[in-house]
Amino acid sequence: MKTEKLQHMGDKDLERYLHESLQERSYLLVIDDIWKKEAWESIKRAFYAHCNNGSKVIITTHSKEVAENLDEITYDHQLLFLTFDKS
């Protein structure tokens, strides 16, 4: 699909397009820097049905609220700040 068409799609249409594109596939999806839990809730529906086919999703966030509201089938890893000597 062309980028121009994707840019004009609404949230629900984009969600459906992503869901259909990932169906029957195994994938590793990296989503960087999710700031709001509502954003995560919205986009996870597109690929959540495929979570038992070996697919994986990695998200990064600065938001403790986002990290605390991940589902029970997820794993979280909190990175610690490096000391000056280790950076």
N, C-alpha and C. Protein backbone atom coordinates (compact mmCIF):
# COMPACT_ATOMS: atom_id res chain seq x y z
N MET A 1 0.85 -1.17 0.00
CA MET A 1 0.00 0.00 0.00
C MET A 1 0.89 1.23 0.00
N LYS A 2 0.47 2.23 -0.71
CA LYS A 2 1.25 3.46 -0.81
C LYS A 2 1.14 4.29 0.46
N THR A 3 2.22 4.98 0.76
CA THR A 3 2.28 5.81 1.96
C THR A 3 1.18 6.86 1.99
N GLU A 4 0.87 7.44 0.85
CA GLU A 4 -0.16 8.48 0.79
C GLU A 4 -1.51 7.96 1.28
N LYS A 5 -1.82 6.72 0.91
CA LYS A 5 -3.10 6.14 1.33
C LYS A 5 -3.11 5.88 2.84
N LEU A 6 -1.98 5.40 3.36
CA LEU A 6 -1.88 5.16 4.80
C LEU A 6 -2.03 6.45 5.60
N GLN A 7 -1.48 7.54 5.10
CA GLN A 7 -1.54 8.82 5.80
C GLN A 7 -2.96 9.33 5.95
N HIS A 8 -3.84 8.92 5.07
CA HIS A 8 -5.22 9.41 5.12
C HIS A 8 -6.17 8.45 5.83
N MET A 9 -5.66 7.36 6.34
CA MET A 9 -6.50 6.39 7.05
C MET A 9 -6.73 6.84 8.48
N GLY A 10 -7.89 6.50 9.01
CA GLY A 10 -8.19 6.76 10.41
C GLY A 10 -7.55 5.68 11.28
N ASP A 11 -7.62 5.88 12.58
CA ASP A 11 -7.00 4.94 13.52
C ASP A 11 -7.53 3.52 13.37
N LYS A 12 -8.83 3.37 13.26
CA LYS A 12 -9.43 2.03 13.15
C LYS A 12 -9.01 1.34 11.85
N ASP A 13 -8.96 2.11 10.75
CA ASP A 13 -8.54 1.53 9.47
C ASP A 13 -7.07 1.11 9.51
N LEU A 14 -6.23 1.93 10.14
CA LEU A 14 -4.81 1.58 10.28
C LEU A 14 -4.65 0.33 11.14
N GLU A 15 -5.42 0.26 12.22
CA GLU A 15 -5.39 -0.92 13.09
C GLU A 15 -5.77 -2.17 12.32
N ARG A 16 -6.83 -2.10 11.54
CA ARG A 16 -7.28 -3.24 10.74
C ARG A 16 -6.23 -3.62 9.69
N TYR A 17 -5.65 -2.62 9.02
CA TYR A 17 -4.63 -2.87 8.01
C TYR A 17 -3.41 -3.58 8.62
N LEU A 18 -2.96 -3.11 9.78
CA LEU A 18 -1.82 -3.73 10.45
C LEU A 18 -2.16 -5.16 10.86
N HIS A 19 -3.34 -5.35 11.43
CA HIS A 19 -3.78 -6.68 11.85
C HIS A 19 -3.79 -7.65 10.66
N GLU A 20 -4.36 -7.23 9.55
CA GLU A 20 -4.45 -8.09 8.37
C GLU A 20 -3.07 -8.35 7.76
N SER A 21 -2.19 -7.36 7.82
CA SER A 21 -0.84 -7.52 7.27
C SER A 21 -0.01 -8.52 8.07
N LEU A 22 -0.25 -8.57 9.37
CA LEU A 22 0.53 -9.45 10.24
C LEU A 22 -0.06 -10.84 10.37
N GLN A 23 -1.30 -11.00 9.96
CA GLN A 23 -1.98 -12.28 10.08
C GLN A 23 -1.20 -13.35 9.31
N GLU A 24 -1.11 -14.54 9.89
CA GLU A 24 -0.44 -15.68 9.26
C GLU A 24 1.08 -15.48 9.15
N ARG A 25 1.63 -14.53 9.86
CA ARG A 25 3.07 -14.29 9.81
C ARG A 25 3.66 -14.37 11.21
N SER A 26 4.93 -14.65 11.24
CA SER A 26 5.68 -14.57 12.48
C SER A 26 6.59 -13.36 12.34
N TYR A 27 6.68 -12.54 13.37
CA TYR A 27 7.40 -11.27 13.24
C TYR A 27 8.02 -10.84 14.56
N LEU A 28 8.97 -9.94 14.46
CA LEU A 28 9.53 -9.22 15.59
C LEU A 28 9.26 -7.75 15.30
N LEU A 29 8.48 -7.13 16.14
CA LEU A 29 8.08 -5.73 15.96
C LEU A 29 8.69 -4.91 17.09
N VAL A 30 9.40 -3.84 16.74
CA VAL A 30 9.99 -2.95 17.74
C VAL A 30 9.30 -1.60 17.64
N ILE A 31 8.70 -1.18 18.75
CA ILE A 31 8.02 0.12 18.80
C ILE A 31 8.76 0.95 19.84
N ASP A 32 9.35 2.03 19.39
CA ASP A 32 10.20 2.83 20.25
C ASP A 32 9.47 4.03 20.82
N ASP A 33 9.61 4.22 22.12
CA ASP A 33 9.22 5.45 22.81
C ASP A 33 7.71 5.69 22.88
N ILE A 34 6.99 4.77 23.47
CA ILE A 34 5.56 4.97 23.70
C ILE A 34 5.40 5.80 24.97
N TRP A 35 4.73 6.92 24.85
CA TRP A 35 4.62 7.86 25.97
C TRP A 35 3.32 7.72 26.75
N LYS A 36 2.25 7.26 26.11
CA LYS A 36 0.95 7.21 26.80
C LYS A 36 0.38 5.80 26.75
N LYS A 37 -0.22 5.41 27.86
CA LYS A 37 -0.80 4.06 27.93
C LYS A 37 -1.92 3.90 26.92
N GLU A 38 -2.65 4.97 26.61
CA GLU A 38 -3.73 4.90 25.62
C GLU A 38 -3.17 4.56 24.23
N ALA A 39 -2.00 5.09 23.91
CA ALA A 39 -1.38 4.78 22.62
C ALA A 39 -1.04 3.29 22.53
N TRP A 40 -0.48 2.74 23.60
CA TRP A 40 -0.17 1.31 23.64
C TRP A 40 -1.44 0.49 23.53
N GLU A 41 -2.48 0.85 24.28
CA GLU A 41 -3.75 0.12 24.24
C GLU A 41 -4.32 0.11 22.83
N SER A 42 -4.18 1.21 22.13
CA SER A 42 -4.73 1.33 20.79
C SER A 42 -3.99 0.45 19.78
N ILE A 43 -2.67 0.49 19.80
CA ILE A 43 -1.94 -0.24 18.77
C ILE A 43 -1.77 -1.73 19.07
N LYS A 44 -1.81 -2.12 20.32
CA LYS A 44 -1.60 -3.54 20.63
C LYS A 44 -2.72 -4.42 20.10
N ARG A 45 -3.91 -3.88 19.93
CA ARG A 45 -5.02 -4.69 19.42
C ARG A 45 -4.73 -5.23 18.02
N ALA A 46 -3.92 -4.52 17.26
CA ALA A 46 -3.63 -4.93 15.89
C ALA A 46 -2.83 -6.22 15.82
N PHE A 47 -1.99 -6.48 16.81
CA PHE A 47 -1.15 -7.67 16.74
C PHE A 47 -1.31 -8.62 17.91
N TYR A 48 -2.14 -8.31 18.85
CA TYR A 48 -2.26 -9.12 20.05
C TYR A 48 -2.81 -10.52 19.77
N ALA A 49 -3.65 -10.66 18.79
CA ALA A 49 -4.23 -11.97 18.47
C ALA A 49 -3.17 -12.94 17.95
N HIS A 50 -2.03 -12.42 17.51
CA HIS A 50 -0.99 -13.26 16.93
C HIS A 50 0.10 -13.62 17.93
N CYS A 51 -0.08 -13.29 19.19
CA CYS A 51 1.02 -13.44 20.16
C CYS A 51 1.38 -14.89 20.43
N ASN A 52 0.56 -15.84 20.03
CA ASN A 52 0.89 -17.25 20.29
C ASN A 52 1.51 -17.95 19.09
N ASN A 53 1.88 -17.22 18.05
CA ASN A 53 2.48 -17.85 16.88
C ASN A 53 4.00 -17.67 16.83
N GLY A 54 4.60 -17.31 17.96
CA GLY A 54 6.04 -17.10 18.02
C GLY A 54 6.45 -15.66 17.78
N SER A 55 5.52 -14.81 17.46
CA SER A 55 5.82 -13.41 17.23
C SER A 55 6.16 -12.71 18.54
N LYS A 56 6.97 -11.68 18.44
CA LYS A 56 7.37 -10.91 19.61
C LYS A 56 7.24 -9.42 19.32
N VAL A 57 6.93 -8.67 20.36
CA VAL A 57 6.84 -7.21 20.27
C VAL A 57 7.70 -6.63 21.38
N ILE A 58 8.58 -5.72 21.01
CA ILE A 58 9.41 -5.01 21.98
C ILE A 58 8.98 -3.55 21.96
N ILE A 59 8.68 -3.02 23.14
CA ILE A 59 8.38 -1.59 23.22
C ILE A 59 9.36 -0.94 24.18
N THR A 60 9.64 0.32 23.90
CA THR A 60 10.43 1.12 24.84
C THR A 60 9.57 2.28 25.29
N THR A 61 9.80 2.70 26.52
CA THR A 61 9.04 3.82 27.06
C THR A 61 9.82 4.48 28.19
N HIS A 62 9.60 5.76 28.35
CA HIS A 62 10.10 6.49 29.51
C HIS A 62 9.04 6.53 30.60
N SER A 63 7.83 6.14 30.25
CA SER A 63 6.68 6.29 31.13
C SER A 63 6.51 5.09 32.06
N LYS A 64 6.56 5.35 33.34
CA LYS A 64 6.31 4.29 34.32
C LYS A 64 4.87 3.80 34.20
N GLU A 65 3.94 4.70 33.89
CA GLU A 65 2.53 4.33 33.73
C GLU A 65 2.35 3.32 32.59
N VAL A 66 3.02 3.54 31.48
CA VAL A 66 2.94 2.60 30.36
C VAL A 66 3.50 1.24 30.79
N ALA A 67 4.67 1.25 31.41
CA ALA A 67 5.31 0.00 31.83
C ALA A 67 4.47 -0.76 32.84
N GLU A 68 3.83 -0.05 33.74
CA GLU A 68 3.02 -0.71 34.77
C GLU A 68 1.71 -1.25 34.24
N ASN A 69 1.28 -0.81 33.07
CA ASN A 69 0.00 -1.25 32.51
C ASN A 69 0.16 -2.25 31.38
N LEU A 70 1.31 -2.88 31.28
CA LEU A 70 1.47 -3.96 30.32
C LEU A 70 0.70 -5.17 30.83
N ASP A 71 0.39 -6.07 29.96
CA ASP A 71 -0.42 -7.22 30.33
C ASP A 71 0.40 -8.29 31.05
N GLU A 72 -0.31 -9.25 31.61
CA GLU A 72 0.35 -10.29 32.39
C GLU A 72 1.22 -11.22 31.55
N ILE A 73 1.04 -11.24 30.24
CA ILE A 73 1.88 -12.11 29.41
C ILE A 73 3.13 -11.40 28.93
N THR A 74 3.36 -10.19 29.40
CA THR A 74 4.54 -9.44 28.99
C THR A 74 5.61 -9.48 30.06
N TYR A 75 6.80 -9.19 29.64
CA TYR A 75 7.93 -9.09 30.56
C TYR A 75 8.45 -7.66 30.49
N ASP A 76 8.76 -7.11 31.63
CA ASP A 76 9.34 -5.77 31.60
C ASP A 76 10.74 -5.82 32.19
N HIS A 77 11.55 -4.93 31.69
CA HIS A 77 12.93 -4.83 32.15
C HIS A 77 13.25 -3.36 32.32
N GLN A 78 13.49 -2.95 33.54
CA GLN A 78 13.79 -1.55 33.81
C GLN A 78 15.30 -1.36 33.77
N LEU A 79 15.72 -0.46 32.89
CA LEU A 79 17.14 -0.15 32.79
C LEU A 79 17.53 0.84 33.87
N LEU A 80 18.69 0.63 34.43
CA LEU A 80 19.20 1.53 35.44
C LEU A 80 20.17 2.51 34.78
N PHE A 81 20.30 3.68 35.38
CA PHE A 81 21.25 4.65 34.88
C PHE A 81 22.67 4.13 35.07
N LEU A 82 23.52 4.41 34.11
CA LEU A 82 24.92 4.05 34.24
C LEU A 82 25.65 5.07 35.11
N THR A 83 26.63 4.60 35.83
CA THR A 83 27.48 5.53 36.56
C THR A 83 28.38 6.23 35.55
N PHE A 84 29.01 7.29 35.97
CA PHE A 84 29.91 8.02 35.08
C PHE A 84 31.02 7.10 34.57
N ASP A 85 31.54 6.26 35.45
CA ASP A 85 32.63 5.35 35.06
C ASP A 85 32.20 4.31 34.04
N LYS A 86 30.95 3.90 34.06
CA LYS A 86 30.47 2.86 33.15
C LYS A 86 29.91 3.41 31.85
N SER A 87 29.72 4.71 31.78
CA SER A 87 29.14 5.28 30.55
C SER A 87 30.20 5.67 29.55
